C-alpha atoms as a PDB file:
ATOM      1  CA  UNK A   1      19.591 -17.189  11.274  1.00  0.00           C
ATOM      2  CA  UNK A   2      20.296 -13.575  12.543  1.00  0.00           C
ATOM      3  CA  UNK A   3      20.608 -12.370   9.050  1.00  0.00           C
ATOM      4  CA  UNK A   4      17.877 -14.115   7.396  1.00  0.00           C
ATOM      5  CA  UNK A   5      14.331 -15.051   8.283  1.00  0.00           C
ATOM      6  CA  UNK A   6      12.305 -17.950   7.214  1.00  0.00           C
ATOM      7  CA  UNK A   7       9.315 -16.582   5.366  1.00  0.00           C
ATOM      8  CA  UNK A   8       6.204 -18.143   6.606  1.00  0.00           C
ATOM      9  CA  UNK A   9       2.698 -17.830   5.363  1.00  0.00           C
ATOM     10  CA  UNK A  10       0.115 -17.695   8.245  1.00  0.00           C
ATOM     11  CA  UNK A  11      -3.174 -19.248   7.194  1.00  0.00           C
ATOM     12  CA  UNK A  12      -6.030 -18.564   9.589  1.00  0.00           C
ATOM     13  CA  UNK A  13      -8.225 -21.600  10.195  1.00  0.00           C
ATOM     14  CA  UNK A  14     -11.926 -20.848   9.875  1.00  0.00           C
ATOM     15  CA  UNK A  15     -13.943 -21.051  13.060  1.00  0.00           C
ATOM     16  CA  UNK A  16     -10.819 -22.077  15.084  1.00  0.00           C
ATOM     17  CA  UNK A  17      -8.334 -20.139  17.259  1.00  0.00           C
ATOM     18  CA  UNK A  18      -5.279 -21.728  15.352  1.00  0.00           C
ATOM     19  CA  UNK A  19      -3.121 -21.260  12.284  1.00  0.00           C
ATOM     20  CA  UNK A  20      -0.874 -23.358  10.294  1.00  0.00           C
ATOM     21  CA  UNK A  21       2.707 -22.411   9.133  1.00  0.00           C
ATOM     22  CA  UNK A  22       3.924 -23.361   5.627  1.00  0.00           C
ATOM     23  CA  UNK A  23       7.697 -22.642   4.949  1.00  0.00           C
ATOM     24  CA  UNK A  24       8.311 -20.859   1.613  1.00  0.00           C
ATOM     25  CA  UNK A  25      11.957 -19.665   1.600  1.00  0.00           C
ATOM     26  CA  UNK A  26      14.645 -17.554   3.276  1.00  0.00           C
ATOM     27  CA  UNK A  27      14.209 -13.854   3.298  1.00  0.00           C
ATOM     28  CA  UNK A  28      16.041 -10.623   4.212  1.00  0.00           C
ATOM     29  CA  UNK A  29      15.567  -9.921   8.015  1.00  0.00           C
ATOM     30  CA  UNK A  30      18.046  -7.051   8.813  1.00  0.00           C
ATOM     31  CA  UNK A  31      15.176  -4.600   8.794  1.00  0.00           C
ATOM     32  CA  UNK A  32      11.401  -4.340   8.153  1.00  0.00           C
ATOM     33  CA  UNK A  33      11.472  -4.136   4.432  1.00  0.00           C
ATOM     34  CA  UNK A  34       9.658  -7.502   4.147  1.00  0.00           C
ATOM     35  CA  UNK A  35       7.235  -6.776   6.804  1.00  0.00           C
ATOM     36  CA  UNK A  36       6.435  -2.957   6.844  1.00  0.00           C
ATOM     37  CA  UNK A  37       2.830  -2.138   7.509  1.00  0.00           C
ATOM     38  CA  UNK A  38       2.437  -0.042   4.419  1.00  0.00           C
ATOM     39  CA  UNK A  39       3.008  -3.071   2.189  1.00  0.00           C
ATOM     40  CA  UNK A  40      -0.063  -3.378  -0.232  1.00  0.00           C
ATOM     41  CA  UNK A  41       0.375  -6.331  -0.690  1.00  0.00           C
ATOM     42  CA  UNK A  42       2.703  -9.156   0.420  1.00  0.00           C
ATOM     43  CA  UNK A  43       0.124 -11.761   0.035  1.00  0.00           C
ATOM     44  CA  UNK A  44      -2.916 -11.898  -2.284  1.00  0.00           C
ATOM     45  CA  UNK A  45      -5.475 -14.627  -3.027  1.00  0.00           C
ATOM     46  CA  UNK A  46      -7.583 -14.861  -6.171  1.00  0.00           C
ATOM     47  CA  UNK A  47      -9.645 -17.488  -7.770  1.00  0.00           C
ATOM     48  CA  UNK A  48      -8.314 -20.413  -5.714  1.00  0.00           C
ATOM     49  CA  UNK A  49      -4.643 -19.423  -5.901  1.00  0.00           C
ATOM     50  CA  UNK A  50      -2.416 -17.382  -3.335  1.00  0.00           C
ATOM     51  CA  UNK A  51       0.626 -15.498  -4.204  1.00  0.00           C
ATOM     52  CA  UNK A  52       3.472 -14.122  -2.150  1.00  0.00           C
ATOM     53  CA  UNK A  53       6.333 -11.788  -2.651  1.00  0.00           C
ATOM     54  CA  UNK A  54       9.322 -11.075  -0.568  1.00  0.00           C
ATOM     55  CA  UNK A  55      13.153 -10.220  -0.790  1.00  0.00           C
ATOM     56  CA  UNK A  56      15.489 -13.085  -0.277  1.00  0.00           C
ATOM     57  CA  UNK A  57      18.571 -13.021   1.892  1.00  0.00           C
ATOM     58  CA  UNK A  58      20.700 -11.170  -0.867  1.00  0.00           C
ATOM     59  CA  UNK A  59      17.890  -8.820  -2.055  1.00  0.00           C
ATOM     60  CA  UNK A  60      16.299 -10.463  -4.939  1.00  0.00           C
ATOM     61  CA  UNK A  61      12.521 -10.259  -5.462  1.00  0.00           C
ATOM     62  CA  UNK A  62      11.059 -13.660  -5.028  1.00  0.00           C
ATOM     63  CA  UNK A  63       7.499 -14.694  -6.043  1.00  0.00           C
ATOM     64  CA  UNK A  64       5.702 -17.757  -4.848  1.00  0.00           C
ATOM     65  CA  UNK A  65       2.303 -19.396  -5.776  1.00  0.00           C
ATOM     66  CA  UNK A  66       0.124 -22.195  -4.375  1.00  0.00           C
ATOM     67  CA  UNK A  67      -3.443 -23.456  -4.544  1.00  0.00           C
ATOM     68  CA  UNK A  68      -5.254 -22.450  -1.446  1.00  0.00           C
ATOM     69  CA  UNK A  69      -4.845 -24.898   1.346  1.00  0.00           C
ATOM     70  CA  UNK A  70      -2.042 -26.773  -0.502  1.00  0.00           C
ATOM     71  CA  UNK A  71       1.325 -27.167   1.246  1.00  0.00           C
ATOM     72  CA  UNK A  72       3.190 -27.039  -2.041  1.00  0.00           C
ATOM     73  CA  UNK A  73       4.530 -23.835  -3.256  1.00  0.00           C
ATOM     74  CA  UNK A  74       5.932 -22.940  -6.684  1.00  0.00           C
ATOM     75  CA  UNK A  75       8.827 -20.498  -5.835  1.00  0.00           C
ATOM     76  CA  UNK A  76      10.455 -18.265  -8.521  1.00  0.00           C
ATOM     77  CA  UNK A  77      13.426 -15.970  -7.839  1.00  0.00           C
ATOM     78  CA  UNK A  78      13.095 -13.075 -10.348  1.00  0.00           C
ATOM     79  CA  UNK A  79      15.962 -11.191 -11.892  1.00  0.00           C
ATOM     80  CA  UNK A  80      14.840  -8.019 -10.056  1.00  0.00           C
ATOM     81  CA  UNK A  81      16.701  -6.737  -6.921  1.00  0.00           C
ATOM     82  CA  UNK A  82      15.939  -3.950  -4.442  1.00  0.00           C
ATOM     83  CA  UNK A  83      17.798  -1.807  -2.019  1.00  0.00           C
ATOM     84  CA  UNK A  84      16.868  -3.938   0.998  1.00  0.00           C
ATOM     85  CA  UNK A  85      19.036  -1.822   3.390  1.00  0.00           C
ATOM     86  CA  UNK A  86      16.279   0.893   3.061  1.00  0.00           C
ATOM     87  CA  UNK A  87      12.948  -0.309   4.786  1.00  0.00           C
ATOM     88  CA  UNK A  88      11.021   2.085   2.633  1.00  0.00           C
ATOM     89  CA  UNK A  89      11.775   0.020  -0.528  1.00  0.00           C
ATOM     90  CA  UNK A  90       9.012  -2.601  -0.004  1.00  0.00           C
ATOM     91  CA  UNK A  91       7.439  -4.877  -2.718  1.00  0.00           C
ATOM     92  CA  UNK A  92       3.788  -4.452  -3.561  1.00  0.00           C
ATOM     93  CA  UNK A  93       1.884  -7.161  -5.261  1.00  0.00           C
ATOM     94  CA  UNK A  94      -1.767  -7.508  -6.718  1.00  0.00           C
ATOM     95  CA  UNK A  95      -3.577  -9.735  -9.195  1.00  0.00           C
ATOM     96  CA  UNK A  96      -5.958  -8.045 -11.712  1.00  0.00           C
ATOM     97  CA  UNK A  97      -9.422  -9.511 -12.575  1.00  0.00           C
ATOM     98  CA  UNK A  98      -7.813 -11.604 -15.452  1.00  0.00           C
ATOM     99  CA  UNK A  99      -5.376 -13.217 -13.074  1.00  0.00           C
ATOM    100  CA  UNK A 100      -2.259 -11.201 -14.188  1.00  0.00           C
ATOM    101  CA  UNK A 101       0.182 -10.338 -11.332  1.00  0.00           C
ATOM    102  CA  UNK A 102       1.338  -6.842 -11.037  1.00  0.00           C
ATOM    103  CA  UNK A 103       4.439  -5.967  -9.153  1.00  0.00           C
ATOM    104  CA  UNK A 104       6.130  -2.710  -7.972  1.00  0.00           C
ATOM    105  CA  UNK A 105       9.220  -2.668  -5.683  1.00  0.00           C
ATOM    106  CA  UNK A 106      12.336  -0.694  -4.556  1.00  0.00           C
ATOM    107  CA  UNK A 107      11.060   2.944  -4.114  1.00  0.00           C
ATOM    108  CA  UNK A 108      12.178   5.780  -1.997  1.00  0.00           C
ATOM    109  CA  UNK A 109      11.937   8.918  -4.162  1.00  0.00           C
ATOM    110  CA  UNK A 110      13.352   7.177  -7.344  1.00  0.00           C
ATOM    111  CA  UNK A 111      12.126   6.008 -10.612  1.00  0.00           C
ATOM    112  CA  UNK A 112       9.230   3.616 -10.860  1.00  0.00           C
ATOM    113  CA  UNK A 113       9.865  -0.016 -10.865  1.00  0.00           C
ATOM    114  CA  UNK A 114       6.959  -2.064 -12.303  1.00  0.00           C
ATOM    115  CA  UNK A 115       6.114  -5.150 -14.267  1.00  0.00           C
ATOM    116  CA  UNK A 116       3.443  -7.717 -14.609  1.00  0.00           C
ATOM    117  CA  UNK A 117       3.295 -11.482 -15.275  1.00  0.00           C
ATOM    118  CA  UNK A 118       3.502 -12.645 -18.932  1.00  0.00           C
ATOM    119  CA  UNK A 119       0.555 -15.076 -18.332  1.00  0.00           C
ATOM    120  CA  UNK A 120      -2.387 -15.255 -16.012  1.00  0.00           C
ATOM    121  CA  UNK A 121      -1.444 -16.752 -12.652  1.00  0.00           C
ATOM    122  CA  UNK A 122       1.998 -17.182 -13.930  1.00  0.00           C
ATOM    123  CA  UNK A 123       5.292 -16.193 -12.087  1.00  0.00           C
ATOM    124  CA  UNK A 124       7.331 -15.162 -15.259  1.00  0.00           C
ATOM    125  CA  UNK A 125       7.480 -11.284 -15.445  1.00  0.00           C
ATOM    126  CA  UNK A 126       7.801  -8.892 -18.174  1.00  0.00           C
ATOM    127  CA  UNK A 127      10.789  -6.356 -18.349  1.00  0.00           C
ATOM    128  CA  UNK A 128      10.229  -3.150 -16.463  1.00  0.00           C
ATOM    129  CA  UNK A 129       7.611  -0.885 -18.003  1.00  0.00           C
ATOM    130  CA  UNK A 130       6.106   2.386 -17.345  1.00  0.00           C
ATOM    131  CA  UNK A 131       2.583   3.109 -16.247  1.00  0.00           C
ATOM    132  CA  UNK A 132       1.657   6.476 -17.646  1.00  0.00           C
ATOM    133  CA  UNK A 133       5.129   7.765 -18.280  1.00  0.00           C
ATOM    134  CA  UNK A 134       4.655  10.962 -16.350  1.00  0.00           C
ATOM    135  CA  UNK A 135       5.586  11.799 -12.749  1.00  0.00           C
ATOM    136  CA  UNK A 136       7.355   8.395 -12.405  1.00  0.00           C
ATOM    137  CA  UNK A 137      10.848   9.722 -11.238  1.00  0.00           C
ATOM    138  CA  UNK A 138      10.203  10.216  -7.517  1.00  0.00           C
ATOM    139  CA  UNK A 139       8.058   7.373  -6.422  1.00  0.00           C
ATOM    140  CA  UNK A 140       7.496   6.102  -2.781  1.00  0.00           C
ATOM    141  CA  UNK A 141       4.990   3.983  -1.069  1.00  0.00           C
ATOM    142  CA  UNK A 142       3.461   2.075  -4.074  1.00  0.00           C
ATOM    143  CA  UNK A 143       0.009   0.508  -3.193  1.00  0.00           C
ATOM    144  CA  UNK A 144      -2.334  -1.700  -5.354  1.00  0.00           C
ATOM    145  CA  UNK A 145      -6.043  -2.140  -4.769  1.00  0.00           C
ATOM    146  CA  UNK A 146      -8.350  -4.323  -6.812  1.00  0.00           C
ATOM    147  CA  UNK A 147     -11.923  -3.182  -7.559  1.00  0.00           C
ATOM    148  CA  UNK A 148     -14.880  -5.372  -7.942  1.00  0.00           C
ATOM    149  CA  UNK A 149     -14.617  -4.695 -11.805  1.00  0.00           C
ATOM    150  CA  UNK A 150     -11.202  -6.399 -11.759  1.00  0.00           C
ATOM    151  CA  UNK A 151      -9.564  -3.064 -12.608  1.00  0.00           C
ATOM    152  CA  UNK A 152      -6.635  -1.937 -10.298  1.00  0.00           C
ATOM    153  CA  UNK A 153      -5.872   1.308  -8.479  1.00  0.00           C
ATOM    154  CA  UNK A 154      -2.163   2.354  -7.912  1.00  0.00           C
ATOM    155  CA  UNK A 155      -1.448   4.786  -5.114  1.00  0.00           C
ATOM    156  CA  UNK A 156       1.859   6.416  -4.721  1.00  0.00           C
ATOM    157  CA  UNK A 157       3.760   9.475  -3.460  1.00  0.00           C
ATOM    158  CA  UNK A 158       5.357  11.759  -6.015  1.00  0.00           C
ATOM    159  CA  UNK A 159       8.088  13.745  -4.184  1.00  0.00           C
ATOM    160  CA  UNK A 160       9.698  13.525  -0.775  1.00  0.00           C
ATOM    161  CA  UNK A 161       8.977  13.642   2.921  1.00  0.00           C
ATOM    162  CA  UNK A 162       7.618  17.027   3.811  1.00  0.00           C
ATOM    163  CA  UNK A 163       7.151  17.897   0.195  1.00  0.00           C
ATOM    164  CA  UNK A 164       4.982  15.371  -1.844  1.00  0.00           C
ATOM    165  CA  UNK A 165       1.802  14.667  -3.572  1.00  0.00           C
ATOM    166  CA  UNK A 166      -0.598  11.582  -3.721  1.00  0.00           C
ATOM    167  CA  UNK A 167      -1.154  10.278  -7.203  1.00  0.00           C
ATOM    168  CA  UNK A 168      -3.706   7.470  -8.302  1.00  0.00           C
ATOM    169  CA  UNK A 169      -3.302   5.469 -11.599  1.00  0.00           C
ATOM    170  CA  UNK A 170      -5.966   3.080 -12.804  1.00  0.00           C
ATOM    171  CA  UNK A 171      -5.417  -0.135 -14.745  1.00  0.00           C
ATOM    172  CA  UNK A 172      -8.319  -0.700 -17.215  1.00  0.00           C
ATOM    173  CA  UNK A 173      -8.765  -4.433 -17.471  1.00  0.00           C
ATOM    174  CA  UNK A 174     -10.308  -4.360 -21.012  1.00  0.00           C
ATOM    175  CA  UNK A 175      -7.739  -2.085 -22.408  1.00  0.00           C
ATOM    176  CA  UNK A 176      -4.894  -3.636 -20.452  1.00  0.00           C
ATOM    177  CA  UNK A 177      -3.496  -0.179 -19.945  1.00  0.00           C
ATOM    178  CA  UNK A 178      -2.729   2.317 -17.121  1.00  0.00           C
ATOM    179  CA  UNK A 179      -4.311   5.803 -17.131  1.00  0.00           C
ATOM    180  CA  UNK A 180      -3.954   8.712 -14.673  1.00  0.00           C
ATOM    181  CA  UNK A 181      -7.029   8.846 -12.483  1.00  0.00           C
ATOM    182  CA  UNK A 182      -5.895  11.613 -10.158  1.00  0.00           C
ATOM    183  CA  UNK A 183      -2.920  13.581 -11.072  1.00  0.00           C
ATOM    184  CA  UNK A 184      -2.840  14.924  -7.503  1.00  0.00           C
ATOM    185  CA  UNK A 185      -5.405  13.596  -5.115  1.00  0.00           C
ATOM    186  CA  UNK A 186      -3.865  14.960  -1.963  1.00  0.00           C
ATOM    187  CA  UNK A 187      -1.648  18.135  -2.455  1.00  0.00           C
ATOM    188  CA  UNK A 188       1.179  19.006  -0.271  1.00  0.00           C
ATOM    189  CA  UNK A 189       1.370  22.413  -1.972  1.00  0.00           C
ATOM    190  CA  UNK A 190       5.225  22.125  -1.912  1.00  0.00           C
ATOM    191  CA  UNK A 191       5.048  22.563   1.899  1.00  0.00           C
ATOM    192  CA  UNK A 192       4.091  19.110   3.268  1.00  0.00           C
ATOM    193  CA  UNK A 193       2.985  15.635   2.406  1.00  0.00           C
ATOM    194  CA  UNK A 194       0.340  13.234   3.410  1.00  0.00           C
ATOM    195  CA  UNK A 195       1.124   9.812   4.915  1.00  0.00           C
ATOM    196  CA  UNK A 196      -1.916   7.735   4.040  1.00  0.00           C
ATOM    197  CA  UNK A 197      -3.393   4.241   4.261  1.00  0.00           C
ATOM    198  CA  UNK A 198      -6.434   2.951   2.468  1.00  0.00           C
ATOM    199  CA  UNK A 199      -9.050   0.227   1.992  1.00  0.00           C
ATOM    200  CA  UNK A 200     -11.722  -0.874  -0.362  1.00  0.00           C
ATOM    201  CA  UNK A 201     -14.975  -1.998   1.366  1.00  0.00           C
ATOM    202  CA  UNK A 202     -17.319  -4.822   0.479  1.00  0.00           C
ATOM    203  CA  UNK A 203     -19.520  -2.385  -1.545  1.00  0.00           C
ATOM    204  CA  UNK A 204     -16.712  -1.031  -3.565  1.00  0.00           C
ATOM    205  CA  UNK A 205     -16.195   2.134  -1.579  1.00  0.00           C
ATOM    206  CA  UNK A 206     -12.676   3.569  -1.200  1.00  0.00           C
ATOM    207  CA  UNK A 207     -11.548   4.955   2.141  1.00  0.00           C
ATOM    208  CA  UNK A 208      -8.348   6.911   2.690  1.00  0.00           C
ATOM    209  CA  UNK A 209      -7.056   8.239   6.090  1.00  0.00           C
ATOM    210  CA  UNK A 210      -3.811  10.181   6.503  1.00  0.00           C
ATOM    211  CA  UNK A 211      -1.707  12.431   8.565  1.00  0.00           C
ATOM    212  CA  UNK A 212       0.189  15.623   7.331  1.00  0.00           C
ATOM    213  CA  UNK A 213       3.946  16.049   7.801  1.00  0.00           C
ATOM    214  CA  UNK A 214       5.312  19.521   7.502  1.00  0.00           C
ATOM    215  CA  UNK A 215       9.049  18.590   7.037  1.00  0.00           C
ATOM    216  CA  UNK A 216      11.416  15.683   6.949  1.00  0.00           C
ATOM    217  CA  UNK A 217      11.095  15.529  10.762  1.00  0.00           C
ATOM    218  CA  UNK A 218       8.702  12.903  12.046  1.00  0.00           C
ATOM    219  CA  UNK A 219       7.868  15.286  14.955  1.00  0.00           C
ATOM    220  CA  UNK A 220       5.970  17.457  12.395  1.00  0.00           C
ATOM    221  CA  UNK A 221       3.322  14.853  11.816  1.00  0.00           C
ATOM    222  CA  UNK A 222      -0.121  16.152  12.735  1.00  0.00           C
ATOM    223  CA  UNK A 223      -3.872  15.612  12.438  1.00  0.00           C
ATOM    224  CA  UNK A 224      -5.899  12.614  11.181  1.00  0.00           C
ATOM    225  CA  UNK A 225      -7.771  13.195   8.006  1.00  0.00           C
ATOM    226  CA  UNK A 226     -10.328  11.326   5.888  1.00  0.00           C
ATOM    227  CA  UNK A 227     -11.800  11.098   2.317  1.00  0.00           C
ATOM    228  CA  UNK A 228     -13.927   8.522   0.578  1.00  0.00           C
ATOM    229  CA  UNK A 229     -15.040   7.702  -2.944  1.00  0.00           C
ATOM    230  CA  UNK A 230     -18.077   5.777  -4.126  1.00  0.00           C
ATOM    231  CA  UNK A 231     -17.289   5.694  -7.794  1.00  0.00           C
ATOM    232  CA  UNK A 232     -13.971   4.153  -8.145  1.00  0.00           C
ATOM    233  CA  UNK A 233     -11.788   7.144  -7.227  1.00  0.00           C
ATOM    234  CA  UNK A 234     -13.233   9.855  -9.539  1.00  0.00           C
ATOM    235  CA  UNK A 235     -15.009  11.987  -6.981  1.00  0.00           C
ATOM    236  CA  UNK A 236     -14.230  12.169  -3.375  1.00  0.00           C
ATOM    237  CA  UNK A 237     -16.237  13.203  -0.378  1.00  0.00           C
ATOM    238  CA  UNK A 238     -16.059  13.759   3.462  1.00  0.00           C
ATOM    239  CA  UNK A 239     -17.880  11.585   6.045  1.00  0.00           C
ATOM    240  CA  UNK A 240     -20.871  13.868   5.805  1.00  0.00           C
ATOM    241  CA  UNK A 241     -21.172  13.445   2.114  1.00  0.00           C
ATOM    242  CA  UNK A 242     -19.822  16.817   1.190  1.00  0.00           C
ATOM    243  CA  UNK A 243     -17.830  16.596  -2.149  1.00  0.00           C
ATOM    244  CA  UNK A 244     -14.177  17.706  -2.096  1.00  0.00           C
ATOM    245  CA  UNK A 245     -13.009  20.141  -4.622  1.00  0.00           C
ATOM    246  CA  UNK A 246      -9.903  18.373  -5.840  1.00  0.00           C
ATOM    247  CA  UNK A 247      -7.025  18.245  -5.103  1.00  0.00           C
ATOM    248  CA  UNK A 248      -7.492  18.003  -1.324  1.00  0.00           C
ATOM    249  CA  UNK A 249      -5.294  20.399   0.692  1.00  0.00           C
ATOM    250  CA  UNK A 250      -4.534  20.953   4.269  1.00  0.00           C
ATOM    251  CA  UNK A 251      -7.153  23.786   4.309  1.00  0.00           C
ATOM    252  CA  UNK A 252      -9.954  21.666   2.854  1.00  0.00           C
ATOM    253  CA  UNK A 253      -9.237  18.226   4.400  1.00  0.00           C
ATOM    254  CA  UNK A 254     -11.684  16.823   6.860  1.00  0.00           C
ATOM    255  CA  UNK A 255     -10.078  16.401  10.196  1.00  0.00           C
ATOM    256  CA  UNK A 256     -11.091  13.318  11.993  1.00  0.00           C
ATOM    257  CA  UNK A 257      -9.060  14.117  15.156  1.00  0.00           C
ATOM    258  CA  UNK A 258      -6.974  17.303  15.607  1.00  0.00           C
ATOM    259  CA  UNK A 259      -3.541  16.279  16.707  1.00  0.00           C
ATOM    260  CA  UNK A 260      -0.874  18.721  17.252  1.00  0.00           C
ATOM    261  CA  UNK A 261       2.765  18.476  16.206  1.00  0.00           C
ATOM    262  CA  UNK A 262       5.194  16.811  18.469  1.00  0.00           C
ATOM    263  CA  UNK A 263       2.560  14.279  19.603  1.00  0.00           C
ATOM    264  CA  UNK A 264       4.685  11.256  18.531  1.00  0.00           C
ATOM    265  CA  UNK A 265       1.937  10.630  15.853  1.00  0.00           C
ATOM    266  CA  UNK A 266       2.749   7.570  13.753  1.00  0.00           C
ATOM    267  CA  UNK A 267       3.278   8.172   9.968  1.00  0.00           C
ATOM    268  CA  UNK A 268       1.006   5.523   8.467  1.00  0.00           C
ATOM    269  CA  UNK A 269      -2.447   4.893   9.833  1.00  0.00           C
ATOM    270  CA  UNK A 270      -3.968   1.445   9.275  1.00  0.00           C
ATOM    271  CA  UNK A 271      -7.575   1.145   8.362  1.00  0.00           C
ATOM    272  CA  UNK A 272     -10.422  -1.105   7.341  1.00  0.00           C
ATOM    273  CA  UNK A 273     -14.163  -0.979   6.793  1.00  0.00           C
ATOM    274  CA  UNK A 274     -17.059  -3.210   7.938  1.00  0.00           C
ATOM    275  CA  UNK A 275     -19.750  -4.756   5.741  1.00  0.00           C
ATOM    276  CA  UNK A 276     -21.817  -1.540   5.873  1.00  0.00           C
ATOM    277  CA  UNK A 277     -18.887   0.470   4.675  1.00  0.00           C
ATOM    278  CA  UNK A 278     -18.212   2.171   8.006  1.00  0.00           C
ATOM    279  CA  UNK A 279     -14.455   2.876   8.329  1.00  0.00           C
ATOM    280  CA  UNK A 280     -12.131   2.084  11.273  1.00  0.00           C
ATOM    281  CA  UNK A 281      -8.675   3.844  11.711  1.00  0.00           C
ATOM    282  CA  UNK A 282      -6.016   2.371  13.865  1.00  0.00           C
ATOM    283  CA  UNK A 283      -3.108   4.539  14.899  1.00  0.00           C
ATOM    284  CA  UNK A 284      -1.238   5.889  17.842  1.00  0.00           C
ATOM    285  CA  UNK A 285      -0.104   9.135  19.317  1.00  0.00           C
ATOM    286  CA  UNK A 286       0.743  10.908  22.707  1.00  0.00           C
ATOM    287  CA  UNK A 287      -2.401  12.767  23.817  1.00  0.00           C
ATOM    288  CA  UNK A 288      -1.802  16.223  25.250  1.00  0.00           C
ATOM    289  CA  UNK A 289      -0.814  16.129  28.934  1.00  0.00           C
ATOM    290  CA  UNK A 290       0.310  12.501  28.862  1.00  0.00           C
ATOM    291  CA  UNK A 291       3.805  10.993  28.772  1.00  0.00           C
ATOM    292  CA  UNK A 292       3.553   7.920  26.413  1.00  0.00           C
ATOM    293  CA  UNK A 293       1.807   7.351  23.112  1.00  0.00           C
ATOM    294  CA  UNK A 294      -1.486   5.440  23.239  1.00  0.00           C
ATOM    295  CA  UNK A 295      -3.038   3.228  20.603  1.00  0.00           C
ATOM    296  CA  UNK A 296      -6.162   4.686  19.186  1.00  0.00           C
ATOM    297  CA  UNK A 297      -9.194   3.308  17.120  1.00  0.00           C
END
C-alpha cells in the first residue's frame, strides 16, 4: 500500500476521547493532494447526511455519501480526473441549503473545473459548467463556504504565485446561479499575492487571515493580516471595526503580526472562531533571533 492509501473517515464520538474508523475506498497517496490543509472541504455534513470527496489511486474524483452514524457508504467514481501529481490540485466540496453538492477540483493556475449534483443529496454530477464566465482561466485554491441562508461563497486565486488576486463568487440559492461578489477582494497589484484561510462563525461573520508573498519564492512570505465581514462578504472591516476601502492592498491591510521575509513563514494560515465570533489563527514561522520555526496561535 505504498502507492495508495485507505481513505478513512474519522468520526469524533461525543463526550468521549475516542473515534471510529469507517473504510470508504482506496485513494491516491503519493503526495498530499487528498490531505492538504487548504481543502475546503473534503468532508461535509448536512441534514443528516455526510459527503466525502477524494482522488482514487489513478486520479479519478470519487464521491461518497452516508447517513450520519451509518457504517454503509454509497460510493460513486465520477468521470472527472485531476492532475494528482501536483498537490495544489485538491478537490473542494460543499452542499448548498437545498442539498445540492457543489464540486471544484484540479487547479493550479488553470481553467475552472466546477459542477454540481443533478439532484439534491445525489452523487450524479452535471457536466462541467462556468460560474460567472469571467476570470476563470487561472484558478488556484478553490474554497466553498456555506452561509446561514444556504447560499454559498466560493473563494479562489486568480493568477499565480507572487502575482495574483483573491476573488469571491456567491451562489444565490433562490436563483440557483452564481454572481461575482468581489471582483478583487485582496489585490496583489501585479507584484504579490495573498495566501489566505477563512472561516464562517456561528453568527454568520466571515473571517479571513493571510500572508503576503512577493514572488514565487516561499522565502518572500511576510506578515499576518486580517479582514472580516458581517454582511455576507459585501463590506469588510478591520478588527477595530474600521471599514476597508476595497480592494484590500498591502498598504491598507491590517497587520496582526509583523513578520519579515525569510522567516520560514508558512503559506496558509489555519483559522476558526469561537461562539462569540472571536477569531483564532494558527500558523508557524521562525521568530527573529531564533533558529527553528515555532507554532503560533
